[in-house]
Amino acid sequence: MERLADWLKREMKLEFVSFVEKHSHGHLLRGTVLGREVELLIVSSGHVWVKQPNERSWRTTGVYVPDRVLF
């Protein structure tokens, strides 16, 4: 998870990333960007979805985590 967190910090310009839990369909993480909290969902395909904590629906980011980082 540390490799994934470091990669997300660099790729998405996050200030902080923490692992929350593993789901059957991916990993849930929380992070901060420009002082605002965001939730990140990395699905098994490597695609990164994002949402604000108070939102209900996830938005696609167009960012894919490389296999060497994800596994």
C-alpha atoms as a PDB file:
ATOM      1  CA  MET A   1       0.000   0.000   0.000  1.00  0.00           C
ATOM      2  CA  GLU A   2       2.906   2.332   0.630  1.00  0.00           C
ATOM      3  CA  ARG A   3       3.980   2.096  -3.026  1.00  0.00           C
ATOM      4  CA  LEU A   4       0.421   2.908  -4.142  1.00  0.00           C
ATOM      5  CA  ALA A   5       0.150   5.864  -1.740  1.00  0.00           C
ATOM      6  CA  ASP A   6       3.472   7.325  -2.920  1.00  0.00           C
ATOM      7  CA  TRP A   7       2.483   6.913  -6.568  1.00  0.00           C
ATOM      8  CA  LEU A   8      -0.904   8.609  -5.979  1.00  0.00           C
ATOM      9  CA  LYS A   9       0.783  11.534  -4.214  1.00  0.00           C
ATOM     10  CA  ARG A  10       3.020  12.136  -7.220  1.00  0.00           C
ATOM     11  CA  GLU A  11       0.499  11.414  -9.980  1.00  0.00           C
ATOM     12  CA  MET A  12      -2.500  13.271  -8.543  1.00  0.00           C
ATOM     13  CA  LYS A  13      -0.536  15.904  -6.599  1.00  0.00           C
ATOM     14  CA  LEU A  14      -1.984  14.841  -3.259  1.00  0.00           C
ATOM     15  CA  GLU A  15      -0.542  16.147  -0.008  1.00  0.00           C
ATOM     16  CA  PHE A  16      -1.512  13.123   2.077  1.00  0.00           C
ATOM     17  CA  VAL A  17      -2.864   9.637   1.300  1.00  0.00           C
ATOM     18  CA  SER A  18      -4.037   6.970   3.756  1.00  0.00           C
ATOM     19  CA  PHE A  19      -5.417   3.489   3.177  1.00  0.00           C
ATOM     20  CA  VAL A  20      -8.956   2.962   4.498  1.00  0.00           C
ATOM     21  CA  GLU A  21     -10.003  -0.544   3.485  1.00  0.00           C
ATOM     22  CA  LYS A  22      -9.914  -3.225   0.824  1.00  0.00           C
ATOM     23  CA  HIS A  23     -13.192  -3.947  -0.965  1.00  0.00           C
ATOM     24  CA  SER A  24     -14.052  -6.884  -3.183  1.00  0.00           C
ATOM     25  CA  HIS A  25     -13.772  -4.550  -6.189  1.00  0.00           C
ATOM     26  CA  GLY A  26     -10.746  -2.461  -5.162  1.00  0.00           C
ATOM     27  CA  HIS A  27      -9.012  -0.296  -2.569  1.00  0.00           C
ATOM     28  CA  LEU A  28     -10.529   2.703  -0.780  1.00  0.00           C
ATOM     29  CA  LEU A  29      -8.152   5.490   0.244  1.00  0.00           C
ATOM     30  CA  ARG A  30      -8.477   9.021   1.590  1.00  0.00           C
ATOM     31  CA  GLY A  31      -6.288  11.939   0.701  1.00  0.00           C
ATOM     32  CA  THR A  32      -6.001  15.701   0.745  1.00  0.00           C
ATOM     33  CA  VAL A  33      -5.433  18.020  -2.169  1.00  0.00           C
ATOM     34  CA  LEU A  34      -5.188  21.784  -1.701  1.00  0.00           C
ATOM     35  CA  GLY A  35      -6.392  21.315   1.884  1.00  0.00           C
ATOM     36  CA  ARG A  36      -9.590  19.524   0.841  1.00  0.00           C
ATOM     37  CA  GLU A  37     -10.316  15.907   1.646  1.00  0.00           C
ATOM     38  CA  VAL A  38     -11.051  13.442  -1.163  1.00  0.00           C
ATOM     39  CA  GLU A  39     -11.870   9.750  -1.291  1.00  0.00           C
ATOM     40  CA  LEU A  40     -10.151   7.562  -3.874  1.00  0.00           C
ATOM     41  CA  LEU A  41     -11.313   4.199  -5.158  1.00  0.00           C
ATOM     42  CA  ILE A  42      -8.810   2.140  -7.121  1.00  0.00           C
ATOM     43  CA  VAL A  43     -10.645  -0.713  -8.852  1.00  0.00           C
ATOM     44  CA  SER A  44      -9.021  -3.997  -9.862  1.00  0.00           C
ATOM     45  CA  SER A  45      -8.431  -2.731 -13.418  1.00  0.00           C
ATOM     46  CA  GLY A  46      -6.256   0.042 -11.959  1.00  0.00           C
ATOM     47  CA  HIS A  47      -8.658   2.857 -12.788  1.00  0.00           C
ATOM     48  CA  VAL A  48      -8.854   5.638 -10.177  1.00  0.00           C
ATOM     49  CA  TRP A  49     -12.227   7.090  -9.183  1.00  0.00           C
ATOM     50  CA  VAL A  50     -12.599  10.113  -6.894  1.00  0.00           C
ATOM     51  CA  LYS A  51     -15.297  11.866  -4.865  1.00  0.00           C
ATOM     52  CA  GLN A  52     -15.642  14.417  -2.110  1.00  0.00           C
ATOM     53  CA  PRO A  53     -16.670  12.885   1.266  1.00  0.00           C
ATOM     54  CA  ASN A  54     -20.098  14.567   1.149  1.00  0.00           C
ATOM     55  CA  GLU A  55     -20.891  13.422  -2.432  1.00  0.00           C
ATOM     56  CA  ARG A  56     -22.757  10.235  -3.278  1.00  0.00           C
ATOM     57  CA  SER A  57     -21.412   9.419  -6.726  1.00  0.00           C
ATOM     58  CA  TRP A  58     -17.873   8.716  -7.897  1.00  0.00           C
ATOM     59  CA  ARG A  59     -16.227  10.586 -10.807  1.00  0.00           C
ATOM     60  CA  THR A  60     -13.766   9.052 -13.197  1.00  0.00           C
ATOM     61  CA  THR A  61     -10.286  10.563 -13.303  1.00  0.00           C
ATOM     62  CA  GLY A  62      -8.815   9.044 -16.456  1.00  0.00           C
ATOM     63  CA  VAL A  63      -5.815   7.919 -14.376  1.00  0.00           C
ATOM     64  CA  TYR A  64      -4.724   4.278 -14.354  1.00  0.00           C
ATOM     65  CA  VAL A  65      -2.376   2.826 -11.755  1.00  0.00           C
ATOM     66  CA  PRO A  66       0.362   0.737 -13.435  1.00  0.00           C
ATOM     67  CA  ASP A  67       0.441  -2.983 -12.561  1.00  0.00           C
ATOM     68  CA  ARG A  68       3.939  -2.630 -11.074  1.00  0.00           C
ATOM     69  CA  VAL A  69       2.523  -0.207  -8.475  1.00  0.00           C
ATOM     70  CA  LEU A  70      -0.825  -1.873  -7.849  1.00  0.00           C
ATOM     71  CA  PHE A  71       0.376  -5.437  -7.259  1.00  0.00           C
END
